[in-house]
Amino acid sequence: MPDYPFTLGTARLRALPSGALFWPDQRVIVVSDLHFGKSGRLARRGGALIPPYENRATLTRLELDLQRTGADRVICLGDSFDDLAAAGEMADDESLWLARLMAGRDWIWVEGNHDAGPPALGGRHLAEVVLPGITLRHIADPAAQGAEISGHYHPKARLPGRTAPCFLIDAARVILPAYGTFTGGMPCDHPDLLALMGPRALAVLTGPRCLARPLRL
């Protein structure tokens, strides 16, 4: 199987090769750091110009994950848009595409440090989400009590000749990779990440299939 199955507390979860997290018993997909509109923000602020296709690439990946899993709830763990203006700059066909994916699903936008969630696009807007035994938030809380799922750091792991986005997983915490396109990342062995993760933590690399390896090699 290309997925990586694991448990967090009593929850049976699956890390997907796309960078999404699937919780079958809750029929929920969790994604983090979509960063819709990054190319537009960079162009608007005089930064590096990148091809303006990241929204479509991310929407395509998300639609495939929803079709594959049959999830009827989606939790976006913050930084869904690259800044506060990005939601309003989304092309009409992309906005309709997103609305179609949202239709009939319980869609939750968790507040991130880049955005507070796009109020014009519907769905629910929360600071964090609590599901059975697990709290979901944008940034990991080092003092969290109980299991936690978060994003924010865009962890990546080195492979020969390239890097790959990765999940960080230990007995109490999961940090998701960035789901969006052109999002960059932080090395998974960065001291800030090592300080959050337990001694037996895993880095689960995304790609054609998930590949698990010890975080601390």
N, C-alpha and C. Protein backbone atom coordinates (compact mmCIF):
# COMPACT_ATOMS: atom_id res chain seq x y z
N MET A 1 0.84 -1.20 0.00
CA MET A 1 0.00 0.00 0.00
C MET A 1 0.88 1.26 0.00
N PRO A 2 0.51 2.28 -0.77
CA PRO A 2 1.31 3.50 -0.78
C PRO A 2 1.11 4.35 0.47
N ASP A 3 0.00 4.14 1.21
CA ASP A 3 -0.25 4.90 2.43
C ASP A 3 0.63 4.37 3.56
N TYR A 4 0.71 5.19 4.62
CA TYR A 4 1.39 4.74 5.83
C TYR A 4 0.38 4.72 6.98
N PRO A 5 -0.07 3.52 7.42
CA PRO A 5 -1.03 3.45 8.52
C PRO A 5 -0.31 3.53 9.87
N PHE A 6 -0.93 4.22 10.82
CA PHE A 6 -0.36 4.31 12.16
C PHE A 6 -1.48 4.69 13.13
N THR A 7 -1.19 4.63 14.40
CA THR A 7 -2.16 5.03 15.42
C THR A 7 -1.63 6.22 16.20
N LEU A 8 -2.54 7.08 16.58
CA LEU A 8 -2.25 8.22 17.44
C LEU A 8 -3.27 8.16 18.57
N GLY A 9 -2.82 7.83 19.76
CA GLY A 9 -3.76 7.50 20.82
C GLY A 9 -4.54 6.26 20.43
N THR A 10 -5.85 6.37 20.35
CA THR A 10 -6.68 5.25 19.90
C THR A 10 -7.13 5.41 18.46
N ALA A 11 -6.75 6.49 17.82
CA ALA A 11 -7.19 6.76 16.45
C ALA A 11 -6.31 6.03 15.44
N ARG A 12 -6.95 5.36 14.49
CA ARG A 12 -6.23 4.71 13.40
C ARG A 12 -6.21 5.66 12.21
N LEU A 13 -5.03 6.11 11.86
CA LEU A 13 -4.85 7.14 10.84
C LEU A 13 -4.04 6.60 9.67
N ARG A 14 -4.12 7.32 8.56
CA ARG A 14 -3.33 6.95 7.38
C ARG A 14 -2.69 8.21 6.79
N ALA A 15 -1.37 8.21 6.73
CA ALA A 15 -0.65 9.27 6.01
C ALA A 15 -0.72 8.94 4.53
N LEU A 16 -1.19 9.86 3.72
CA LEU A 16 -1.33 9.64 2.28
C LEU A 16 -0.11 10.20 1.54
N PRO A 17 0.24 9.61 0.41
CA PRO A 17 1.42 10.08 -0.34
C PRO A 17 1.31 11.53 -0.79
N SER A 18 0.10 12.06 -0.86
CA SER A 18 -0.11 13.45 -1.27
C SER A 18 0.27 14.45 -0.20
N GLY A 19 0.37 14.00 1.06
CA GLY A 19 0.58 14.91 2.19
C GLY A 19 -0.67 15.13 3.02
N ALA A 20 -1.80 14.52 2.63
CA ALA A 20 -3.01 14.59 3.43
C ALA A 20 -3.00 13.48 4.48
N LEU A 21 -3.76 13.70 5.54
CA LEU A 21 -3.94 12.71 6.60
C LEU A 21 -5.40 12.26 6.57
N PHE A 22 -5.64 10.96 6.57
CA PHE A 22 -7.00 10.43 6.51
C PHE A 22 -7.30 9.67 7.79
N TRP A 23 -8.46 9.98 8.36
CA TRP A 23 -8.96 9.30 9.57
C TRP A 23 -10.22 8.55 9.17
N PRO A 24 -10.09 7.28 8.79
CA PRO A 24 -11.24 6.56 8.22
C PRO A 24 -12.46 6.50 9.15
N ASP A 25 -12.25 6.26 10.44
CA ASP A 25 -13.40 6.14 11.35
C ASP A 25 -14.19 7.43 11.46
N GLN A 26 -13.54 8.56 11.25
CA GLN A 26 -14.22 9.86 11.28
C GLN A 26 -14.58 10.36 9.88
N ARG A 27 -14.17 9.63 8.86
CA ARG A 27 -14.39 10.03 7.46
C ARG A 27 -13.90 11.47 7.21
N VAL A 28 -12.73 11.76 7.78
CA VAL A 28 -12.19 13.11 7.68
C VAL A 28 -10.82 13.09 7.04
N ILE A 29 -10.58 14.05 6.17
CA ILE A 29 -9.26 14.34 5.61
C ILE A 29 -8.75 15.63 6.26
N VAL A 30 -7.49 15.59 6.66
CA VAL A 30 -6.84 16.76 7.24
C VAL A 30 -5.70 17.18 6.31
N VAL A 31 -5.68 18.45 5.94
CA VAL A 31 -4.59 19.00 5.13
C VAL A 31 -4.12 20.29 5.80
N SER A 32 -2.90 20.66 5.53
CA SER A 32 -2.36 21.88 6.15
C SER A 32 -1.58 22.69 5.13
N ASP A 33 -1.61 24.00 5.32
CA ASP A 33 -0.74 24.90 4.54
C ASP A 33 -0.95 24.73 3.05
N LEU A 34 -2.20 24.96 2.61
CA LEU A 34 -2.50 24.94 1.18
C LEU A 34 -1.84 26.12 0.47
N HIS A 35 -1.78 27.25 1.11
CA HIS A 35 -1.14 28.46 0.57
C HIS A 35 -1.65 28.80 -0.83
N PHE A 36 -2.97 28.72 -1.01
CA PHE A 36 -3.54 29.21 -2.26
C PHE A 36 -3.11 30.66 -2.49
N GLY A 37 -2.77 30.99 -3.73
CA GLY A 37 -2.45 32.36 -4.09
C GLY A 37 -1.03 32.79 -3.82
N LYS A 38 -0.12 31.82 -3.64
CA LYS A 38 1.26 32.22 -3.33
C LYS A 38 1.89 32.96 -4.50
N SER A 39 1.68 32.50 -5.72
CA SER A 39 2.29 33.18 -6.87
C SER A 39 1.78 34.61 -6.98
N GLY A 40 0.49 34.82 -6.71
CA GLY A 40 -0.07 36.16 -6.77
C GLY A 40 0.51 37.08 -5.71
N ARG A 41 0.68 36.54 -4.50
CA ARG A 41 1.26 37.37 -3.43
C ARG A 41 2.69 37.79 -3.76
N LEU A 42 3.48 36.83 -4.28
CA LEU A 42 4.86 37.17 -4.63
C LEU A 42 4.90 38.23 -5.72
N ALA A 43 4.04 38.09 -6.73
CA ALA A 43 4.00 39.07 -7.81
C ALA A 43 3.55 40.44 -7.28
N ARG A 44 2.56 40.42 -6.40
CA ARG A 44 2.02 41.66 -5.86
C ARG A 44 3.04 42.41 -5.01
N ARG A 45 3.92 41.68 -4.35
CA ARG A 45 4.88 42.30 -3.44
C ARG A 45 6.28 42.40 -4.03
N GLY A 46 6.40 42.15 -5.33
CA GLY A 46 7.68 42.30 -5.99
C GLY A 46 8.66 41.20 -5.71
N GLY A 47 8.18 40.02 -5.35
CA GLY A 47 9.05 38.89 -5.08
C GLY A 47 9.35 38.10 -6.34
N ALA A 48 9.92 36.91 -6.16
CA ALA A 48 10.24 36.05 -7.30
C ALA A 48 8.96 35.64 -8.02
N LEU A 49 9.01 35.63 -9.34
CA LEU A 49 7.85 35.22 -10.14
C LEU A 49 7.88 33.71 -10.33
N ILE A 50 6.77 33.06 -9.99
CA ILE A 50 6.64 31.62 -10.19
C ILE A 50 5.39 31.38 -11.02
N PRO A 51 5.32 30.25 -11.75
CA PRO A 51 4.15 30.00 -12.60
C PRO A 51 2.86 30.01 -11.77
N PRO A 52 1.81 30.69 -12.26
CA PRO A 52 0.59 30.85 -11.47
C PRO A 52 -0.34 29.65 -11.56
N TYR A 53 0.20 28.46 -11.32
CA TYR A 53 -0.60 27.25 -11.47
C TYR A 53 -0.75 26.49 -10.15
N GLU A 54 -0.29 27.07 -9.04
CA GLU A 54 -0.29 26.30 -7.79
C GLU A 54 -1.70 26.00 -7.30
N ASN A 55 -2.64 26.92 -7.53
CA ASN A 55 -4.00 26.65 -7.08
C ASN A 55 -4.59 25.42 -7.77
N ARG A 56 -4.42 25.36 -9.07
CA ARG A 56 -4.99 24.24 -9.83
C ARG A 56 -4.31 22.92 -9.45
N ALA A 57 -3.00 22.95 -9.26
CA ALA A 57 -2.30 21.72 -8.88
C ALA A 57 -2.77 21.23 -7.52
N THR A 58 -2.96 22.15 -6.57
CA THR A 58 -3.40 21.77 -5.24
C THR A 58 -4.84 21.28 -5.26
N LEU A 59 -5.72 21.96 -6.01
CA LEU A 59 -7.11 21.53 -6.12
C LEU A 59 -7.22 20.15 -6.77
N THR A 60 -6.40 19.90 -7.77
CA THR A 60 -6.43 18.59 -8.41
C THR A 60 -6.05 17.49 -7.42
N ARG A 61 -5.01 17.72 -6.66
CA ARG A 61 -4.56 16.73 -5.67
C ARG A 61 -5.64 16.51 -4.61
N LEU A 62 -6.27 17.60 -4.17
CA LEU A 62 -7.29 17.49 -3.13
C LEU A 62 -8.51 16.75 -3.65
N GLU A 63 -8.90 17.04 -4.86
CA GLU A 63 -10.07 16.33 -5.43
C GLU A 63 -9.80 14.84 -5.54
N LEU A 64 -8.61 14.46 -5.96
CA LEU A 64 -8.28 13.04 -6.06
C LEU A 64 -8.32 12.37 -4.69
N ASP A 65 -7.81 13.04 -3.66
CA ASP A 65 -7.83 12.47 -2.32
C ASP A 65 -9.26 12.30 -1.81
N LEU A 66 -10.13 13.28 -2.10
CA LEU A 66 -11.52 13.17 -1.67
C LEU A 66 -12.23 12.04 -2.40
N GLN A 67 -11.96 11.89 -3.67
CA GLN A 67 -12.58 10.80 -4.43
C GLN A 67 -12.09 9.45 -3.92
N ARG A 68 -10.82 9.38 -3.65
CA ARG A 68 -10.23 8.11 -3.24
C ARG A 68 -10.72 7.67 -1.86
N THR A 69 -10.84 8.60 -0.93
CA THR A 69 -11.16 8.25 0.45
C THR A 69 -12.65 8.27 0.75
N GLY A 70 -13.43 9.05 -0.02
CA GLY A 70 -14.84 9.22 0.29
C GLY A 70 -15.07 10.06 1.53
N ALA A 71 -14.11 10.87 1.93
CA ALA A 71 -14.25 11.69 3.13
C ALA A 71 -15.40 12.68 2.97
N ASP A 72 -16.17 12.85 4.05
CA ASP A 72 -17.24 13.85 4.02
C ASP A 72 -16.98 15.00 4.97
N ARG A 73 -15.77 15.05 5.54
CA ARG A 73 -15.33 16.18 6.35
C ARG A 73 -13.91 16.53 5.97
N VAL A 74 -13.63 17.81 5.86
CA VAL A 74 -12.28 18.29 5.53
C VAL A 74 -11.88 19.32 6.56
N ILE A 75 -10.70 19.15 7.13
CA ILE A 75 -10.15 20.13 8.07
C ILE A 75 -8.87 20.69 7.47
N CYS A 76 -8.88 21.99 7.20
CA CYS A 76 -7.71 22.68 6.67
C CYS A 76 -7.02 23.38 7.83
N LEU A 77 -5.79 22.93 8.15
CA LEU A 77 -5.13 23.34 9.38
C LEU A 77 -4.36 24.65 9.26
N GLY A 78 -4.97 25.65 8.67
CA GLY A 78 -4.37 26.97 8.66
C GLY A 78 -3.46 27.24 7.48
N ASP A 79 -3.23 28.53 7.25
CA ASP A 79 -2.48 29.01 6.10
C ASP A 79 -3.03 28.42 4.81
N SER A 80 -4.36 28.40 4.73
CA SER A 80 -5.01 27.89 3.53
C SER A 80 -4.80 28.84 2.36
N PHE A 81 -4.72 30.14 2.66
CA PHE A 81 -4.40 31.15 1.66
C PHE A 81 -3.12 31.85 2.08
N ASP A 82 -2.37 32.31 1.10
CA ASP A 82 -1.03 32.81 1.39
C ASP A 82 -1.05 34.15 2.12
N ASP A 83 -2.12 34.92 1.94
CA ASP A 83 -2.32 36.12 2.75
C ASP A 83 -3.80 36.48 2.68
N LEU A 84 -4.18 37.57 3.33
CA LEU A 84 -5.59 37.91 3.45
C LEU A 84 -6.22 38.30 2.11
N ALA A 85 -5.40 38.75 1.15
CA ALA A 85 -5.94 39.17 -0.14
C ALA A 85 -6.11 38.01 -1.11
N ALA A 86 -5.47 36.88 -0.84
CA ALA A 86 -5.40 35.81 -1.84
C ALA A 86 -6.76 35.19 -2.15
N ALA A 87 -7.65 35.07 -1.15
CA ALA A 87 -8.95 34.47 -1.41
C ALA A 87 -9.74 35.29 -2.43
N GLY A 88 -9.66 36.62 -2.31
CA GLY A 88 -10.38 37.48 -3.25
C GLY A 88 -9.77 37.50 -4.63
N GLU A 89 -8.52 37.08 -4.77
CA GLU A 89 -7.86 37.08 -6.07
C GLU A 89 -7.96 35.74 -6.79
N MET A 90 -8.60 34.76 -6.18
CA MET A 90 -8.72 33.44 -6.79
C MET A 90 -9.53 33.55 -8.08
N ALA A 91 -9.07 32.92 -9.14
CA ALA A 91 -9.79 32.94 -10.41
C ALA A 91 -11.18 32.34 -10.25
N ASP A 92 -12.13 32.81 -11.07
CA ASP A 92 -13.51 32.36 -10.93
C ASP A 92 -13.63 30.84 -11.06
N ASP A 93 -12.92 30.26 -12.02
CA ASP A 93 -13.05 28.81 -12.21
C ASP A 93 -12.45 28.05 -11.03
N GLU A 94 -11.42 28.62 -10.39
CA GLU A 94 -10.83 27.97 -9.22
C GLU A 94 -11.75 28.10 -8.01
N SER A 95 -12.39 29.27 -7.86
CA SER A 95 -13.35 29.43 -6.77
C SER A 95 -14.52 28.47 -6.92
N LEU A 96 -15.01 28.29 -8.14
CA LEU A 96 -16.10 27.35 -8.38
C LEU A 96 -15.65 25.91 -8.13
N TRP A 97 -14.44 25.61 -8.51
CA TRP A 97 -13.88 24.27 -8.26
C TRP A 97 -13.84 23.99 -6.76
N LEU A 98 -13.33 24.95 -5.99
CA LEU A 98 -13.27 24.78 -4.55
C LEU A 98 -14.67 24.66 -3.96
N ALA A 99 -15.61 25.49 -4.44
CA ALA A 99 -16.98 25.41 -3.94
C ALA A 99 -17.60 24.05 -4.22
N ARG A 100 -17.28 23.48 -5.37
CA ARG A 100 -17.81 22.15 -5.70
C ARG A 100 -17.25 21.09 -4.74
N LEU A 101 -15.96 21.20 -4.41
CA LEU A 101 -15.38 20.25 -3.46
C LEU A 101 -16.00 20.42 -2.07
N MET A 102 -16.34 21.64 -1.70
CA MET A 102 -16.91 21.90 -0.38
C MET A 102 -18.36 21.46 -0.27
N ALA A 103 -19.06 21.43 -1.38
CA ALA A 103 -20.51 21.16 -1.35
C ALA A 103 -20.80 19.80 -0.73
N GLY A 104 -21.70 19.78 0.25
CA GLY A 104 -22.10 18.54 0.89
C GLY A 104 -21.12 18.01 1.92
N ARG A 105 -20.06 18.74 2.18
CA ARG A 105 -19.06 18.30 3.15
C ARG A 105 -18.99 19.30 4.31
N ASP A 106 -18.67 18.79 5.48
CA ASP A 106 -18.38 19.63 6.63
C ASP A 106 -16.94 20.13 6.46
N TRP A 107 -16.81 21.39 6.12
CA TRP A 107 -15.50 21.95 5.76
C TRP A 107 -15.08 22.94 6.82
N ILE A 108 -13.95 22.72 7.44
CA ILE A 108 -13.49 23.55 8.55
C ILE A 108 -12.17 24.22 8.18
N TRP A 109 -12.16 25.55 8.29
CA TRP A 109 -10.94 26.33 8.10
C TRP A 109 -10.38 26.68 9.47
N VAL A 110 -9.23 26.13 9.83
CA VAL A 110 -8.58 26.48 11.08
C VAL A 110 -7.70 27.71 10.85
N GLU A 111 -7.69 28.59 11.81
CA GLU A 111 -6.93 29.83 11.67
C GLU A 111 -5.43 29.55 11.64
N GLY A 112 -4.73 30.18 10.69
CA GLY A 112 -3.28 30.07 10.59
C GLY A 112 -2.61 31.40 10.86
N ASN A 113 -1.30 31.44 10.73
CA ASN A 113 -0.60 32.70 10.92
C ASN A 113 -0.61 33.57 9.67
N HIS A 114 -0.89 32.97 8.50
CA HIS A 114 -1.00 33.75 7.27
C HIS A 114 -2.43 34.24 7.03
N ASP A 115 -3.41 33.48 7.51
CA ASP A 115 -4.80 33.84 7.24
C ASP A 115 -5.68 33.37 8.38
N ALA A 116 -6.86 33.98 8.46
CA ALA A 116 -7.83 33.59 9.48
C ALA A 116 -8.94 32.73 8.87
N GLY A 117 -8.73 32.24 7.66
CA GLY A 117 -9.78 31.49 6.96
C GLY A 117 -10.56 32.43 6.05
N PRO A 118 -10.99 31.95 4.90
CA PRO A 118 -11.68 32.81 3.92
C PRO A 118 -13.18 32.87 4.19
N PRO A 119 -13.69 33.89 4.88
CA PRO A 119 -15.10 33.90 5.26
C PRO A 119 -16.06 33.91 4.09
N ALA A 120 -15.65 34.46 2.94
CA ALA A 120 -16.56 34.52 1.80
C ALA A 120 -16.79 33.16 1.15
N LEU A 121 -15.97 32.18 1.48
CA LEU A 121 -16.07 30.88 0.81
C LEU A 121 -16.90 29.87 1.58
N GLY A 122 -17.48 30.27 2.70
CA GLY A 122 -18.30 29.34 3.45
C GLY A 122 -17.48 28.41 4.31
N GLY A 123 -18.12 27.36 4.80
CA GLY A 123 -17.49 26.46 5.73
C GLY A 123 -17.50 27.05 7.14
N ARG A 124 -16.89 26.32 8.06
CA ARG A 124 -16.77 26.80 9.45
C ARG A 124 -15.37 27.32 9.69
N HIS A 125 -15.25 28.28 10.60
CA HIS A 125 -13.97 28.93 10.88
C HIS A 125 -13.70 28.82 12.38
N LEU A 126 -12.63 28.10 12.74
CA LEU A 126 -12.35 27.80 14.13
C LEU A 126 -10.87 28.04 14.43
N ALA A 127 -10.56 28.34 15.68
CA ALA A 127 -9.17 28.47 16.10
C ALA A 127 -8.49 27.11 16.19
N GLU A 128 -9.24 26.09 16.61
CA GLU A 128 -8.75 24.73 16.65
C GLU A 128 -9.95 23.78 16.67
N VAL A 129 -9.69 22.52 16.43
CA VAL A 129 -10.74 21.51 16.36
C VAL A 129 -10.39 20.40 17.35
N VAL A 130 -11.39 19.95 18.10
CA VAL A 130 -11.20 18.82 19.01
C VAL A 130 -12.07 17.66 18.54
N LEU A 131 -11.43 16.57 18.17
CA LEU A 131 -12.10 15.33 17.82
C LEU A 131 -11.76 14.30 18.89
N PRO A 132 -12.39 13.13 18.89
CA PRO A 132 -12.17 12.19 19.99
C PRO A 132 -10.69 11.93 20.29
N GLY A 133 -10.23 12.47 21.41
CA GLY A 133 -8.88 12.21 21.89
C GLY A 133 -7.78 13.01 21.23
N ILE A 134 -8.11 13.87 20.26
CA ILE A 134 -7.07 14.58 19.50
C ILE A 134 -7.48 16.04 19.30
N THR A 135 -6.53 16.96 19.49
CA THR A 135 -6.72 18.37 19.18
C THR A 135 -5.97 18.69 17.90
N LEU A 136 -6.65 19.41 17.00
CA LEU A 136 -6.05 19.81 15.72
C LEU A 136 -5.92 21.32 15.71
N ARG A 137 -4.71 21.80 15.45
CA ARG A 137 -4.43 23.24 15.44
C ARG A 137 -3.36 23.53 14.39
N HIS A 138 -3.14 24.82 14.13
CA HIS A 138 -2.16 25.16 13.10
C HIS A 138 -0.73 24.93 13.57
N ILE A 139 -0.38 25.45 14.73
CA ILE A 139 1.00 25.36 15.22
C ILE A 139 1.03 24.46 16.45
N ALA A 140 1.97 23.53 16.48
CA ALA A 140 2.10 22.62 17.62
C ALA A 140 2.31 23.39 18.92
N ASP A 141 1.67 22.90 19.96
CA ASP A 141 1.81 23.49 21.28
C ASP A 141 2.71 22.58 22.11
N PRO A 142 3.92 23.03 22.45
CA PRO A 142 4.83 22.16 23.22
C PRO A 142 4.25 21.70 24.55
N ALA A 143 3.29 22.46 25.09
CA ALA A 143 2.69 22.10 26.37
C ALA A 143 1.37 21.37 26.22
N ALA A 144 1.06 20.92 25.01
CA ALA A 144 -0.23 20.27 24.76
C ALA A 144 -0.40 19.03 25.63
N GLN A 145 -1.60 18.87 26.16
CA GLN A 145 -1.96 17.68 26.92
C GLN A 145 -2.74 16.75 25.99
N GLY A 146 -2.30 15.53 25.83
CA GLY A 146 -2.98 14.61 24.93
C GLY A 146 -2.45 14.72 23.51
N ALA A 147 -3.07 13.98 22.61
CA ALA A 147 -2.60 13.90 21.23
C ALA A 147 -2.93 15.17 20.45
N GLU A 148 -2.09 15.46 19.47
CA GLU A 148 -2.19 16.72 18.73
C GLU A 148 -1.81 16.48 17.27
N ILE A 149 -2.52 17.15 16.37
CA ILE A 149 -2.19 17.19 14.94
C ILE A 149 -2.06 18.65 14.54
N SER A 150 -0.97 18.98 13.85
CA SER A 150 -0.74 20.37 13.47
C SER A 150 -0.01 20.42 12.13
N GLY A 151 0.31 21.65 11.71
CA GLY A 151 1.03 21.87 10.45
C GLY A 151 2.11 22.93 10.66
N HIS A 152 2.06 23.98 9.83
CA HIS A 152 2.85 25.20 9.98
C HIS A 152 4.31 25.11 9.54
N TYR A 153 5.02 24.05 9.90
CA TYR A 153 6.47 24.03 9.70
C TYR A 153 6.90 23.55 8.32
N HIS A 154 6.01 22.95 7.55
CA HIS A 154 6.36 22.43 6.22
C HIS A 154 7.58 21.50 6.28
N PRO A 155 7.58 20.48 7.13
CA PRO A 155 8.79 19.65 7.24
C PRO A 155 9.15 18.94 5.94
N LYS A 156 10.44 18.87 5.67
CA LYS A 156 10.96 18.16 4.50
C LYS A 156 12.16 17.32 4.92
N ALA A 157 12.34 16.20 4.22
CA ALA A 157 13.46 15.30 4.49
C ALA A 157 14.35 15.21 3.26
N ARG A 158 15.63 15.01 3.48
CA ARG A 158 16.58 14.91 2.39
C ARG A 158 16.63 13.48 1.86
N LEU A 159 16.65 13.38 0.54
CA LEU A 159 16.91 12.13 -0.16
C LEU A 159 18.07 12.38 -1.10
N PRO A 160 18.72 11.33 -1.61
CA PRO A 160 19.79 11.57 -2.56
C PRO A 160 19.32 12.40 -3.76
N GLY A 161 19.86 13.58 -3.90
CA GLY A 161 19.55 14.41 -5.04
C GLY A 161 18.30 15.24 -4.92
N ARG A 162 17.52 15.12 -3.85
CA ARG A 162 16.29 15.90 -3.74
C ARG A 162 15.82 15.90 -2.28
N THR A 163 14.78 16.70 -2.05
CA THR A 163 14.10 16.67 -0.76
C THR A 163 12.65 16.30 -0.99
N ALA A 164 11.99 15.80 0.05
CA ALA A 164 10.59 15.41 -0.05
C ALA A 164 9.85 15.92 1.18
N PRO A 165 8.64 16.49 0.99
CA PRO A 165 7.82 16.83 2.15
C PRO A 165 7.57 15.58 2.99
N CYS A 166 7.44 15.75 4.30
CA CYS A 166 7.25 14.58 5.15
C CYS A 166 6.35 14.90 6.34
N PHE A 167 5.67 13.87 6.81
CA PHE A 167 4.99 13.89 8.09
C PHE A 167 6.02 13.65 9.20
N LEU A 168 5.83 14.25 10.33
CA LEU A 168 6.57 13.90 11.54
C LEU A 168 5.59 13.27 12.51
N ILE A 169 5.91 12.07 13.00
CA ILE A 169 4.96 11.29 13.79
C ILE A 169 5.66 10.71 15.01
N ASP A 170 5.08 10.93 16.18
CA ASP A 170 5.51 10.19 17.36
C ASP A 170 4.27 9.72 18.11
N ALA A 171 4.43 9.30 19.35
CA ALA A 171 3.32 8.70 20.08
C ALA A 171 2.23 9.70 20.43
N ALA A 172 2.53 10.99 20.44
CA ALA A 172 1.56 11.98 20.88
C ALA A 172 1.29 13.09 19.87
N ARG A 173 2.08 13.16 18.81
CA ARG A 173 1.99 14.34 17.94
C ARG A 173 2.21 13.94 16.49
N VAL A 174 1.47 14.61 15.59
CA VAL A 174 1.72 14.54 14.15
C VAL A 174 1.86 15.95 13.63
N ILE A 175 2.90 16.23 12.87
CA ILE A 175 3.06 17.49 12.15
C ILE A 175 2.97 17.17 10.67
N LEU A 176 2.01 17.79 10.00
CA LEU A 176 1.77 17.51 8.59
C LEU A 176 2.73 18.29 7.70
N PRO A 177 3.03 17.75 6.52
CA PRO A 177 3.75 18.54 5.52
C PRO A 177 2.81 19.57 4.90
N ALA A 178 3.38 20.56 4.25
CA ALA A 178 2.55 21.50 3.50
C ALA A 178 1.90 20.77 2.33
N TYR A 179 0.60 20.97 2.16
CA TYR A 179 -0.14 20.33 1.08
C TYR A 179 -0.08 21.15 -0.22
N GLY A 180 0.16 22.44 -0.09
CA GLY A 180 0.16 23.31 -1.26
C GLY A 180 1.41 23.16 -2.11
N THR A 181 1.32 23.72 -3.30
CA THR A 181 2.41 23.70 -4.26
C THR A 181 3.28 24.95 -4.06
N PHE A 182 4.59 24.84 -4.31
CA PHE A 182 5.53 25.95 -4.16
C PHE A 182 5.58 26.46 -2.72
N THR A 183 5.58 25.58 -1.75
CA THR A 183 5.49 26.02 -0.36
C THR A 183 6.81 26.02 0.39
N GLY A 184 7.88 25.50 -0.19
CA GLY A 184 9.14 25.47 0.54
C GLY A 184 9.05 24.55 1.74
N GLY A 185 10.01 24.63 2.64
CA GLY A 185 9.94 23.75 3.79
C GLY A 185 11.12 23.92 4.74
N MET A 186 10.98 23.32 5.91
CA MET A 186 12.00 23.32 6.95
C MET A 186 12.60 21.92 7.06
N PRO A 187 13.92 21.78 7.11
CA PRO A 187 14.51 20.44 7.28
C PRO A 187 13.94 19.75 8.50
N CYS A 188 13.60 18.48 8.34
CA CYS A 188 12.94 17.77 9.45
C CYS A 188 13.86 17.59 10.65
N ASP A 189 15.16 17.75 10.47
CA ASP A 189 16.08 17.66 11.60
C ASP A 189 16.45 19.03 12.17
N HIS A 190 15.67 20.05 11.82
CA HIS A 190 15.89 21.38 12.40
C HIS A 190 15.67 21.30 13.91
N PRO A 191 16.48 22.00 14.71
CA PRO A 191 16.33 21.92 16.16
C PRO A 191 14.92 22.23 16.67
N ASP A 192 14.21 23.16 16.02
CA ASP A 192 12.86 23.48 16.47
C ASP A 192 11.93 22.28 16.33
N LEU A 193 12.12 21.48 15.28
CA LEU A 193 11.28 20.31 15.08
C LEU A 193 11.73 19.16 15.98
N LEU A 194 13.01 18.98 16.11
CA LEU A 194 13.50 17.92 17.01
C LEU A 194 13.04 18.16 18.44
N ALA A 195 12.93 19.42 18.84
CA ALA A 195 12.50 19.73 20.20
C ALA A 195 11.05 19.37 20.43
N LEU A 196 10.25 19.33 19.35
CA LEU A 196 8.83 19.01 19.48
C LEU A 196 8.56 17.51 19.48
N MET A 197 9.43 16.74 18.85
CA MET A 197 9.15 15.33 18.59
C MET A 197 9.89 14.42 19.56
N GLY A 198 9.27 13.30 19.91
CA GLY A 198 9.85 12.36 20.84
C GLY A 198 11.05 11.63 20.26
N PRO A 199 11.79 10.89 21.09
CA PRO A 199 13.03 10.26 20.66
C PRO A 199 12.83 9.17 19.60
N ARG A 200 11.64 8.59 19.52
CA ARG A 200 11.39 7.54 18.53
C ARG A 200 10.52 8.03 17.37
N ALA A 201 10.51 9.33 17.15
CA ALA A 201 9.69 9.90 16.09
C ALA A 201 10.13 9.40 14.72
N LEU A 202 9.16 9.37 13.82
CA LEU A 202 9.41 8.99 12.44
C LEU A 202 9.22 10.18 11.52
N ALA A 203 9.98 10.20 10.44
CA ALA A 203 9.71 11.06 9.29
C ALA A 203 9.12 10.16 8.21
N VAL A 204 7.90 10.46 7.79
CA VAL A 204 7.22 9.68 6.75
C VAL A 204 7.18 10.53 5.49
N LEU A 205 8.02 10.16 4.53
CA LEU A 205 8.21 10.95 3.33
C LEU A 205 7.05 10.72 2.36
N THR A 206 6.63 11.79 1.69
CA THR A 206 5.59 11.70 0.68
C THR A 206 6.21 11.50 -0.69
N GLY A 207 5.37 11.22 -1.67
CA GLY A 207 5.84 10.97 -3.04
C GLY A 207 4.96 9.93 -3.68
N PRO A 208 5.48 9.11 -4.58
CA PRO A 208 4.64 8.05 -5.17
C PRO A 208 4.08 7.10 -4.12
N ARG A 209 4.83 6.89 -3.04
CA ARG A 209 4.36 6.11 -1.91
C ARG A 209 5.02 6.64 -0.65
N CYS A 210 4.40 6.41 0.49
CA CYS A 210 4.98 6.88 1.74
C CYS A 210 6.16 6.01 2.15
N LEU A 211 7.18 6.65 2.66
CA LEU A 211 8.39 5.95 3.10
C LEU A 211 8.72 6.44 4.51
N ALA A 212 8.69 5.52 5.48
CA ALA A 212 8.94 5.87 6.87
C ALA A 212 10.39 5.58 7.23
N ARG A 213 10.99 6.50 7.99
CA ARG A 213 12.35 6.30 8.48
C ARG A 213 12.46 7.03 9.82
N PRO A 214 13.41 6.66 10.67
CA PRO A 214 13.58 7.39 11.93
C PRO A 214 13.89 8.86 11.67
N LEU A 215 13.30 9.73 12.46
CA LEU A 215 13.59 11.15 12.34
C LEU A 215 15.05 11.43 12.66
N ARG A 216 15.53 10.80 13.71
CA ARG A 216 16.92 11.01 14.13
C ARG A 216 17.75 9.83 13.59
N LEU A 217 18.44 10.09 12.50
CA LEU A 217 19.23 9.03 11.87
C LEU A 217 20.54 8.82 12.59
